[in-house]
Amino acid sequence: METKLKEAYVKTADYCYQGTIEENGVASFLGIPYAKPPIGSRRFEAPQPLDPVENHPLRVATSPGPISFQDSETAPLWNHQEQVMSEDCLYLNIFTPAKEATDKLPVLFWIHQGASLYGAGSDQLLHGKNLAKKGIIVVTFNYRLGVLGFLAHPELSNQTESEASGNYGVLDILAALDWVKERIADFGGNPNHIIMGGQSAGAGATAYLLTSPELKVSLKGAIMLSTAPMSYPDIPYSLAYYEKSGQAYMEQFGLTTYQQLKTAPVSTWLNKSPAIPGHFSFARDNLLFKEELKGCFEKGHYQKVPILMGMTKDEFSRGVTYGKQWSKKQCYQQVQSILGEKTEAFFKKGFLRDSKDLAKEFKSIFGREWALAEMIHSANWLKQYQEDVYLYRFDQAPPREQADFYGAKHCEDLFYVFGTFDTADFAWRKEDYQLGETMQDYFVSFIF
């Protein structure tokens, strides 16, 4: 049987896929593997291509695959539904409005948020059917997170020819992109018109990959939401830095040797000690990343494509609670998590010194001033290398309790970008749906 996209049936060079026709007419294909499961001996290894098959066996692609292991207490903050977790997590999802395989529609390759520790491409917040209805193909996917995706460790580095470890989650992203490049034409997409994008950690990954010599796909654009490419602290993030932090983290569980790291059950560390954001992330390993990120963009050392950046007005209200006061210590810790070594200089300028409500003032300074200033600085700086740089600030507060206090929080523009209002129990208004339509039209215009 040949491809019939109107029936959500696609024949590729290897498999045939049976998906689902959504209620709006978009064909969805969920839980498609893009690499071998990174289990057993393949833990802490680069993703490996799937074995070739004959006679086009059928894969039913009607439900998402497992997601990467992540802290079960924090995961609900990033995932809008319960999902099965597993080391076997390298799956992607395709939402296509194409009627024929020859339609050659532009493709949005979306990297999910979650600090490289949490989240999933199959999060219902990122369900692509409504955005795809506008005439583009949307691809979301899972990649390895936290320890499994980003652990750098001397014992692991010593076992490789490159003498490097970590960045496995980044290699997963590249493997997913290669899979899309090779096969998206079968789903009605244009393999030469791929836009990479993401929000928060997904935007950070997009920025990093634009600077990587290992990004072999020529993109048509990049979208970075809630993370400006030049807003990262001036920390080298060298391989040695990550090896040291990774070694210290695993030692608390008695895992010190190569064999122990490769074979210990995930339960040995999962939910036992919180992973620190930034300790499991993109390492400058001289393979994928050879320069510090901020410096790459300052010097113009990146793949120059049209760039769309965006942020919400109240990015940092996610970390505050209505009616709850902060101590000076709590305030210092929050600032330090953002500014790192620049924290002392920040307080010496008098910020937050005399505030009667530190949490509220923090939200205002960092959400409406610092984050916006970083976005504007990045956009203006990149303008010296290219003209096609665009920036928006999203001000619409969803209709929740204490909406005036929280405003438009981190991630909340995604409800409007993807049109996934049904994932939050808010009393959505007519103006929210109208704004969602407008946001989607703007994004699709950029993608085309």
Protein backbone atom coordinates (compact mmCIF):
# COMPACT_ATOMS: atom_id res chain seq x y z
CA MET A 1 0.00 0.00 0.00
CA GLU A 2 1.36 3.39 -0.99
CA THR A 3 1.26 6.59 1.06
CA LYS A 4 -2.20 7.99 1.74
CA LEU A 5 -1.79 11.04 3.97
CA LYS A 6 -5.54 11.63 3.97
CA GLU A 7 -5.76 8.34 5.85
CA ALA A 8 -2.68 9.00 8.00
CA TYR A 9 -0.75 6.23 6.27
CA VAL A 10 2.84 6.84 5.17
CA LYS A 11 5.31 4.54 3.45
CA THR A 12 8.99 5.42 3.89
CA ALA A 13 12.19 3.79 2.73
CA ASP A 14 12.14 1.53 5.78
CA TYR A 15 8.82 1.39 7.64
CA CYS A 16 5.18 2.09 6.96
CA TYR A 17 3.47 4.23 9.62
CA GLN A 18 -0.19 4.29 10.54
CA GLY A 19 -1.12 7.45 12.39
CA THR A 20 -4.36 9.20 13.29
CA ILE A 21 -6.47 11.86 11.61
CA GLU A 22 -7.14 14.51 14.28
CA GLU A 23 -10.54 16.18 14.51
CA ASN A 24 -9.22 19.22 12.60
CA GLY A 25 -8.00 17.07 9.70
CA VAL A 26 -4.30 17.08 10.57
CA ALA A 27 -2.56 13.70 10.45
CA SER A 28 -0.57 12.88 13.57
CA PHE A 29 2.12 10.23 13.83
CA LEU A 30 3.23 9.64 17.42
CA GLY A 31 5.98 7.63 19.04
CA ILE A 32 8.21 7.11 15.99
CA PRO A 33 11.68 5.89 17.03
CA TYR A 34 14.53 7.90 15.49
CA ALA A 35 17.46 5.94 16.94
CA LYS A 36 18.17 2.70 18.75
CA PRO A 37 17.11 2.67 22.41
CA PRO A 38 20.05 4.05 24.47
CA ILE A 39 19.86 1.19 26.94
CA GLY A 40 22.33 -1.40 28.26
CA SER A 41 25.75 -0.91 26.69
CA ARG A 42 24.40 2.11 24.77
CA ARG A 43 23.91 4.16 27.96
CA PHE A 44 26.21 7.20 27.89
CA GLU A 45 26.92 6.64 24.21
CA ALA A 46 26.03 8.63 21.09
CA PRO A 47 22.66 7.58 19.62
CA GLN A 48 22.96 4.85 17.03
CA PRO A 49 20.93 4.64 13.79
CA LEU A 50 18.13 2.14 13.60
CA ASP A 51 18.95 -1.14 11.89
CA PRO A 52 17.76 -1.42 8.27
CA VAL A 53 14.63 -3.45 7.67
CA GLU A 54 13.08 -5.14 4.65
CA ASN A 55 9.56 -5.29 3.23
CA HIS A 56 8.38 -2.08 4.94
CA PRO A 57 6.96 -3.50 8.20
CA LEU A 58 4.06 -1.56 9.67
CA ARG A 59 4.49 0.59 12.80
CA VAL A 60 1.36 1.84 14.51
CA ALA A 61 2.13 5.45 15.43
CA THR A 62 -0.91 6.46 17.45
CA SER A 63 0.54 7.00 20.93
CA PRO A 64 3.70 8.78 22.12
CA GLY A 65 6.74 6.85 23.22
CA PRO A 66 8.20 6.87 26.74
CA ILE A 67 9.93 10.05 27.93
CA SER A 68 13.35 10.40 29.53
CA PHE A 69 13.66 9.67 33.23
CA GLN A 70 13.25 12.80 35.38
CA ASP A 71 12.47 13.69 38.97
CA SER A 72 8.91 12.51 39.61
CA GLU A 73 8.10 15.32 42.05
CA THR A 74 9.23 18.13 39.77
CA ALA A 75 8.18 16.56 36.47
CA PRO A 76 4.49 17.60 36.78
CA LEU A 77 5.61 21.24 36.65
CA TRP A 78 6.92 20.62 33.14
CA ASN A 79 4.60 17.94 31.80
CA HIS A 80 0.90 18.52 31.45
CA GLN A 81 0.00 14.85 31.73
CA GLU A 82 1.49 11.69 33.22
CA GLN A 83 3.78 9.81 30.86
CA VAL A 84 5.79 6.59 31.06
CA MET A 85 9.48 7.17 31.77
CA SER A 86 12.26 5.00 30.42
CA GLU A 87 15.86 5.00 29.22
CA ASP A 88 14.26 3.90 25.95
CA CYS A 89 13.00 7.39 25.12
CA LEU A 90 14.21 8.43 21.66
CA TYR A 91 10.88 8.99 19.93
CA LEU A 92 9.43 11.78 17.84
CA ASN A 93 5.98 13.00 16.80
CA ILE A 94 4.90 14.46 13.46
CA PHE A 95 1.83 16.60 12.80
CA THR A 96 1.21 17.17 9.11
CA PRO A 97 -1.64 18.87 7.24
CA ALA A 98 -0.24 17.65 3.90
CA LYS A 99 -2.63 15.91 1.57
CA GLU A 100 0.06 14.51 -0.70
CA ALA A 101 3.67 13.53 -0.12
CA THR A 102 4.62 16.02 -2.82
CA ASP A 103 3.26 19.07 -0.95
CA LYS A 104 6.72 20.10 0.35
CA LEU A 105 5.47 22.04 3.37
CA PRO A 106 7.89 23.90 5.67
CA VAL A 107 8.88 22.05 8.83
CA LEU A 108 9.10 23.31 12.42
CA PHE A 109 11.54 21.17 14.42
CA TRP A 110 10.69 22.02 18.05
CA ILE A 111 12.96 21.33 21.06
CA HIS A 112 11.05 21.12 24.35
CA GLN A 113 11.69 23.18 27.49
CA GLY A 114 12.71 21.93 30.96
CA ALA A 115 16.23 23.06 31.97
CA SER A 116 17.70 19.92 30.30
CA LEU A 117 16.32 18.04 33.32
CA TYR A 118 12.57 17.79 32.72
CA GLY A 119 9.89 17.84 30.05
CA ALA A 120 9.08 15.96 26.86
CA GLY A 121 8.27 16.61 23.25
CA SER A 122 5.05 14.68 23.82
CA ASP A 123 3.87 17.18 26.45
CA GLN A 124 0.31 18.12 25.47
CA LEU A 125 1.27 21.79 25.76
CA LEU A 126 3.31 21.21 22.59
CA HIS A 127 0.73 19.14 20.72
CA GLY A 128 1.18 20.26 17.13
CA LYS A 129 -2.22 19.71 15.52
CA ASN A 130 -3.50 23.28 15.81
CA LEU A 131 -0.30 24.98 14.68
CA ALA A 132 0.07 22.44 11.85
CA LYS A 133 -3.44 23.28 10.66
CA LYS A 134 -2.01 26.64 9.59
CA GLY A 135 -0.08 24.90 6.82
CA ILE A 136 3.21 23.70 8.32
CA ILE A 137 4.55 20.39 9.59
CA VAL A 138 5.36 20.32 13.32
CA VAL A 139 7.87 17.85 14.73
CA THR A 140 8.38 17.36 18.47
CA PHE A 141 10.57 14.75 20.12
CA ASN A 142 12.10 13.42 23.32
CA TYR A 143 15.80 13.39 24.13
CA ARG A 144 17.84 12.19 27.09
CA LEU A 145 17.76 14.52 30.10
CA GLY A 146 19.67 15.11 33.30
CA VAL A 147 22.24 12.47 34.21
CA LEU A 148 21.38 10.23 31.26
CA GLY A 149 21.59 13.06 28.78
CA PHE A 150 24.38 15.26 30.06
CA LEU A 151 26.61 13.48 32.57
CA ALA A 152 30.25 14.29 31.94
CA HIS A 153 32.62 12.14 34.01
CA PRO A 154 36.35 11.32 33.82
CA GLU A 155 35.61 7.59 33.76
CA LEU A 156 33.35 8.03 30.73
CA SER A 157 35.74 10.40 28.97
CA ASN A 158 38.63 7.94 29.41
CA GLN A 159 36.73 5.31 27.43
CA THR A 160 36.33 7.41 24.27
CA GLU A 161 38.74 8.24 21.47
CA SER A 162 37.84 11.91 21.81
CA GLU A 163 38.44 11.85 25.58
CA ALA A 164 35.11 13.61 26.06
CA SER A 165 31.78 12.73 27.65
CA GLY A 166 28.41 14.38 28.19
CA ASN A 167 26.23 16.13 25.59
CA TYR A 168 24.37 12.88 24.84
CA GLY A 169 21.10 14.80 24.80
CA VAL A 170 22.56 17.18 22.23
CA LEU A 171 23.59 14.24 20.07
CA ASP A 172 20.02 12.97 20.37
CA ILE A 173 18.71 16.29 19.05
CA LEU A 174 21.06 16.08 16.07
CA ALA A 175 20.00 12.47 15.43
CA ALA A 176 16.34 13.48 15.45
CA LEU A 177 17.10 16.33 13.06
CA ASP A 178 18.95 13.99 10.71
CA TRP A 179 16.00 11.57 10.78
CA VAL A 180 13.64 14.42 9.88
CA LYS A 181 15.92 15.65 7.11
CA GLU A 182 16.02 12.18 5.55
CA ARG A 183 12.35 11.21 5.89
CA ILE A 184 10.09 14.24 6.29
CA ALA A 185 9.45 14.37 2.53
CA ASP A 186 7.42 11.17 2.92
CA PHE A 187 5.10 13.08 5.27
CA GLY A 188 4.62 15.98 2.83
CA GLY A 189 7.46 18.11 4.18
CA ASN A 190 10.30 19.99 2.53
CA PRO A 191 13.63 18.64 3.84
CA ASN A 192 15.30 21.83 2.62
CA HIS A 193 13.00 24.10 4.62
CA ILE A 194 13.47 23.25 8.29
CA ILE A 195 13.18 25.81 11.08
CA MET A 196 14.67 24.82 14.43
CA GLY A 197 13.13 26.31 17.54
CA GLY A 198 12.40 25.92 21.21
CA GLN A 199 11.51 27.63 24.44
CA SER A 200 13.69 28.05 27.55
CA ALA A 201 16.13 25.09 27.48
CA GLY A 202 14.88 24.37 23.96
CA ALA A 203 15.87 27.89 22.94
CA GLY A 204 19.23 27.41 24.64
CA ALA A 205 19.76 24.20 22.66
CA THR A 206 18.85 26.04 19.46
CA ALA A 207 21.37 28.78 20.24
CA TYR A 208 24.11 26.29 21.06
CA LEU A 209 23.49 24.23 17.95
CA LEU A 210 23.66 27.29 15.71
CA THR A 211 27.30 27.57 16.84
CA SER A 212 28.15 23.87 16.48
CA PRO A 213 30.34 22.57 13.65
CA GLU A 214 28.35 19.33 13.95
CA LEU A 215 25.12 20.98 12.79
CA LYS A 216 25.22 19.71 9.22
CA VAL A 217 21.65 20.65 8.27
CA SER A 218 21.29 24.07 6.66
CA LEU A 219 18.34 25.63 8.47
CA LYS A 220 15.87 28.16 7.11
CA GLY A 221 15.35 29.88 10.45
CA ALA A 222 15.64 29.67 14.22
CA ILE A 223 13.16 30.47 17.01
CA MET A 224 14.36 31.16 20.56
CA LEU A 225 11.76 31.91 23.23
CA SER A 226 12.53 32.97 26.83
CA THR A 227 16.28 32.58 26.32
CA ALA A 228 18.43 35.16 24.55
CA PRO A 229 21.53 33.74 22.85
CA MET A 230 23.78 36.26 24.60
CA SER A 231 22.19 36.14 28.06
CA TYR A 232 24.17 33.21 29.45
CA PRO A 233 26.52 34.00 32.38
CA ASP A 234 30.22 34.34 31.58
CA ILE A 235 31.06 30.82 32.77
CA PRO A 236 33.30 28.70 30.51
CA TYR A 237 31.20 25.52 30.88
CA SER A 238 34.28 23.53 29.92
CA LEU A 239 34.39 19.76 29.81
CA ALA A 240 36.59 19.80 32.93
CA TYR A 241 33.97 21.86 34.78
CA TYR A 242 31.23 19.37 33.95
CA GLU A 243 33.41 16.34 34.64
CA LYS A 244 34.13 17.66 38.13
CA SER A 245 30.48 18.42 38.93
CA GLY A 246 29.31 15.13 37.40
CA GLN A 247 31.87 13.12 39.36
CA ALA A 248 30.88 14.79 42.63
CA TYR A 249 27.18 14.22 41.96
CA MET A 250 27.55 10.49 41.23
CA GLU A 251 29.95 9.88 44.13
CA GLN A 252 27.16 10.54 46.63
CA PHE A 253 25.49 7.37 45.32
CA GLY A 254 28.68 5.32 45.42
CA LEU A 255 29.07 5.34 41.64
CA THR A 256 32.71 5.95 40.77
CA THR A 257 33.81 3.42 38.14
CA TYR A 258 32.97 3.12 34.46
CA GLN A 259 31.21 -0.18 35.00
CA GLN A 260 29.10 1.20 37.84
CA LEU A 261 28.03 4.21 35.79
CA LYS A 262 27.05 2.00 32.85
CA THR A 263 25.10 -0.60 34.80
CA ALA A 264 23.61 0.98 37.93
CA PRO A 265 19.81 1.11 37.93
CA VAL A 266 18.44 4.60 37.30
CA SER A 267 16.70 4.30 40.67
CA THR A 268 20.16 4.58 42.28
CA TRP A 269 20.06 8.34 41.77
CA LEU A 270 16.60 9.25 40.50
CA ASN A 271 14.52 11.19 43.06
CA LYS A 272 17.31 10.81 45.64
CA SER A 273 19.12 14.14 45.29
CA PRO A 274 17.96 17.05 43.16
CA ALA A 275 20.06 17.59 40.07
CA ILE A 276 21.31 21.15 39.93
CA PRO A 277 20.29 23.12 36.83
CA GLY A 278 23.44 23.99 34.93
CA HIS A 279 25.38 20.97 36.20
CA PHE A 280 23.82 18.79 33.52
CA SER A 281 23.84 20.86 30.39
CA PHE A 282 25.82 21.72 27.27
CA ALA A 283 29.54 21.18 27.82
CA ARG A 284 32.23 22.88 25.73
CA ASP A 285 33.81 19.59 24.68
CA ASN A 286 35.82 20.81 21.64
CA LEU A 287 33.71 18.52 19.48
CA LEU A 288 30.14 19.76 19.45
CA PHE A 289 31.01 23.10 21.01
CA LYS A 290 34.46 24.63 20.69
CA GLU A 291 33.82 28.16 21.96
CA GLU A 292 31.89 29.74 24.81
CA LEU A 293 28.32 30.40 23.59
CA LYS A 294 28.14 34.13 24.22
CA GLY A 295 31.48 34.67 22.52
CA CYS A 296 30.32 32.81 19.42
CA PHE A 297 27.44 35.20 18.91
CA GLU A 298 29.54 38.22 19.78
CA LYS A 299 32.03 37.26 17.05
CA GLY A 300 29.39 36.14 14.55
CA HIS A 301 30.50 32.51 14.70
CA TYR A 302 27.11 30.89 14.12
CA GLN A 303 24.87 29.68 11.29
CA LYS A 304 23.20 32.88 10.13
CA VAL A 305 19.52 32.34 9.46
CA PRO A 306 16.42 34.46 10.15
CA ILE A 307 15.91 34.56 13.93
CA LEU A 308 12.71 35.06 15.91
CA MET A 309 13.10 35.70 19.64
CA GLY A 310 10.36 36.18 22.22
CA MET A 311 9.72 36.42 25.94
CA THR A 312 6.86 36.86 28.36
CA LYS A 313 6.48 40.06 30.37
CA ASP A 314 6.75 38.24 33.70
CA GLU A 315 9.25 35.46 32.97
CA PHE A 316 10.40 35.17 36.59
CA SER A 317 7.02 35.12 38.30
CA ARG A 318 7.26 31.33 37.98
CA GLY A 319 9.57 31.33 41.00
CA VAL A 320 7.39 33.40 43.33
CA THR A 321 4.17 32.61 45.20
CA TYR A 322 1.33 35.02 45.78
CA GLY A 323 1.24 36.23 49.39
CA LYS A 324 4.54 34.55 50.34
CA GLN A 325 7.43 36.74 51.44
CA TRP A 326 11.09 35.96 50.77
CA SER A 327 13.95 36.19 53.22
CA LYS A 328 17.11 38.01 52.13
CA LYS A 329 18.82 34.62 51.83
CA GLN A 330 16.12 33.27 49.51
CA CYS A 331 16.36 36.38 47.39
CA TYR A 332 20.15 36.10 47.15
CA GLN A 333 19.91 32.45 46.11
CA GLN A 334 17.40 33.24 43.37
CA VAL A 335 19.56 36.04 42.00
CA GLN A 336 22.66 33.85 42.16
CA SER A 337 20.93 31.10 40.16
CA ILE A 338 20.55 33.62 37.32
CA LEU A 339 23.60 35.83 37.49
CA GLY A 340 26.20 33.48 38.94
CA GLU A 341 29.47 35.32 39.50
CA LYS A 342 27.82 38.67 38.78
CA THR A 343 25.56 38.41 41.86
CA GLU A 344 27.68 40.52 44.19
CA ALA A 345 28.00 43.28 41.61
CA PHE A 346 24.22 43.26 41.22
CA PHE A 347 23.57 43.83 44.91
CA LYS A 348 26.31 46.46 45.16
CA LYS A 349 24.28 48.57 42.74
CA GLY A 350 21.52 48.72 45.34
CA PHE A 351 18.97 46.47 43.69
CA LEU A 352 16.52 44.78 46.10
CA ARG A 353 18.30 46.34 49.08
CA ASP A 354 15.40 48.20 50.68
CA SER A 355 12.39 46.46 49.16
CA LYS A 356 9.53 45.56 51.53
CA ASP A 357 8.49 42.69 49.24
CA LEU A 358 11.61 41.02 47.85
CA ALA A 359 9.75 38.37 45.84
CA LYS A 360 7.55 40.89 44.06
CA GLU A 361 10.45 43.23 43.38
CA PHE A 362 12.57 40.34 42.09
CA LYS A 363 9.81 39.36 39.69
CA SER A 364 9.60 42.90 38.38
CA ILE A 365 13.33 43.55 38.01
CA PHE A 366 14.23 40.26 36.38
CA GLY A 367 11.10 39.69 34.35
CA ARG A 368 10.35 43.13 33.03
CA GLU A 369 13.79 44.73 33.03
CA TRP A 370 16.70 42.29 33.06
CA ALA A 371 15.19 39.62 30.76
CA LEU A 372 13.85 42.19 28.32
CA ALA A 373 17.14 44.08 28.33
CA GLU A 374 19.02 40.86 27.53
CA MET A 375 16.66 40.09 24.64
CA ILE A 376 16.98 43.59 23.19
CA HIS A 377 20.77 43.50 23.59
CA SER A 378 20.97 40.15 21.76
CA ALA A 379 18.72 41.33 18.94
CA ASN A 380 20.60 44.59 18.47
CA TRP A 381 24.00 42.88 18.57
CA LEU A 382 23.02 40.26 15.98
CA LYS A 383 21.80 43.03 13.69
CA GLN A 384 25.42 43.78 12.79
CA TYR A 385 25.64 40.35 11.20
CA GLN A 386 22.14 40.04 9.72
CA GLU A 387 19.03 42.12 9.19
CA ASP A 388 16.39 39.45 9.71
CA VAL A 389 16.21 39.39 13.53
CA TYR A 390 12.77 39.76 15.12
CA LEU A 391 11.72 40.15 18.76
CA TYR A 392 8.41 40.13 20.64
CA ARG A 393 7.30 40.51 24.25
CA PHE A 394 4.17 38.64 25.27
CA ASP A 395 2.05 40.56 27.82
CA GLN A 396 -1.24 38.65 27.96
CA ALA A 397 -1.85 37.13 31.41
CA PRO A 398 -3.92 33.92 31.27
CA PRO A 399 -7.17 34.12 33.25
CA ARG A 400 -6.03 32.53 36.51
CA GLU A 401 -6.42 33.55 40.12
CA GLN A 402 -4.14 36.47 41.06
CA ALA A 403 -3.54 37.12 37.37
CA ASP A 404 -2.54 40.72 38.15
CA PHE A 405 0.24 39.44 40.42
CA TYR A 406 1.61 36.64 38.24
CA GLY A 407 1.11 38.25 34.84
CA ALA A 408 2.40 36.39 31.79
CA LYS A 409 4.65 33.71 33.26
CA HIS A 410 7.52 31.70 31.82
CA CYS A 411 6.23 29.22 29.17
CA GLU A 412 2.74 30.72 29.01
CA ASP A 413 3.07 32.14 25.52
CA LEU A 414 3.20 28.48 24.40
CA PHE A 415 -0.54 28.09 25.08
CA TYR A 416 -1.07 30.68 22.36
CA VAL A 417 1.69 29.60 19.98
CA PHE A 418 0.46 25.99 19.87
CA GLY A 419 -3.21 26.72 20.52
CA THR A 420 -3.23 24.17 23.35
CA PHE A 421 -5.57 26.01 25.71
CA ASP A 422 -7.22 22.76 26.78
CA THR A 423 -4.07 21.75 28.71
CA ALA A 424 -4.72 24.30 31.48
CA ASP A 425 -7.85 24.61 33.59
CA PHE A 426 -8.27 28.36 33.09
CA ALA A 427 -11.43 30.23 32.17
CA TRP A 428 -10.13 31.08 28.71
CA ARG A 429 -11.77 34.10 27.11
CA LYS A 430 -12.60 35.05 23.55
CA GLU A 431 -9.60 37.39 23.46
CA ASP A 432 -7.27 34.52 24.42
CA TYR A 433 -8.40 32.42 21.48
CA GLN A 434 -8.18 35.42 19.17
CA LEU A 435 -4.66 36.19 20.34
CA GLY A 436 -3.75 32.55 19.85
CA GLU A 437 -4.85 32.75 16.22
CA THR A 438 -2.78 35.90 15.77
CA MET A 439 0.30 34.38 17.40
CA GLN A 440 0.06 31.27 15.24
CA ASP A 441 -0.33 33.37 12.09
CA TYR A 442 2.79 35.36 12.98
CA PHE A 443 4.81 32.23 13.67
CA VAL A 444 3.68 30.54 10.46
CA SER A 445 4.51 33.69 8.50
CA PHE A 446 8.04 33.57 9.92
CA ILE A 447 8.35 29.83 9.23
CA PHE A 448 7.32 30.28 5.59
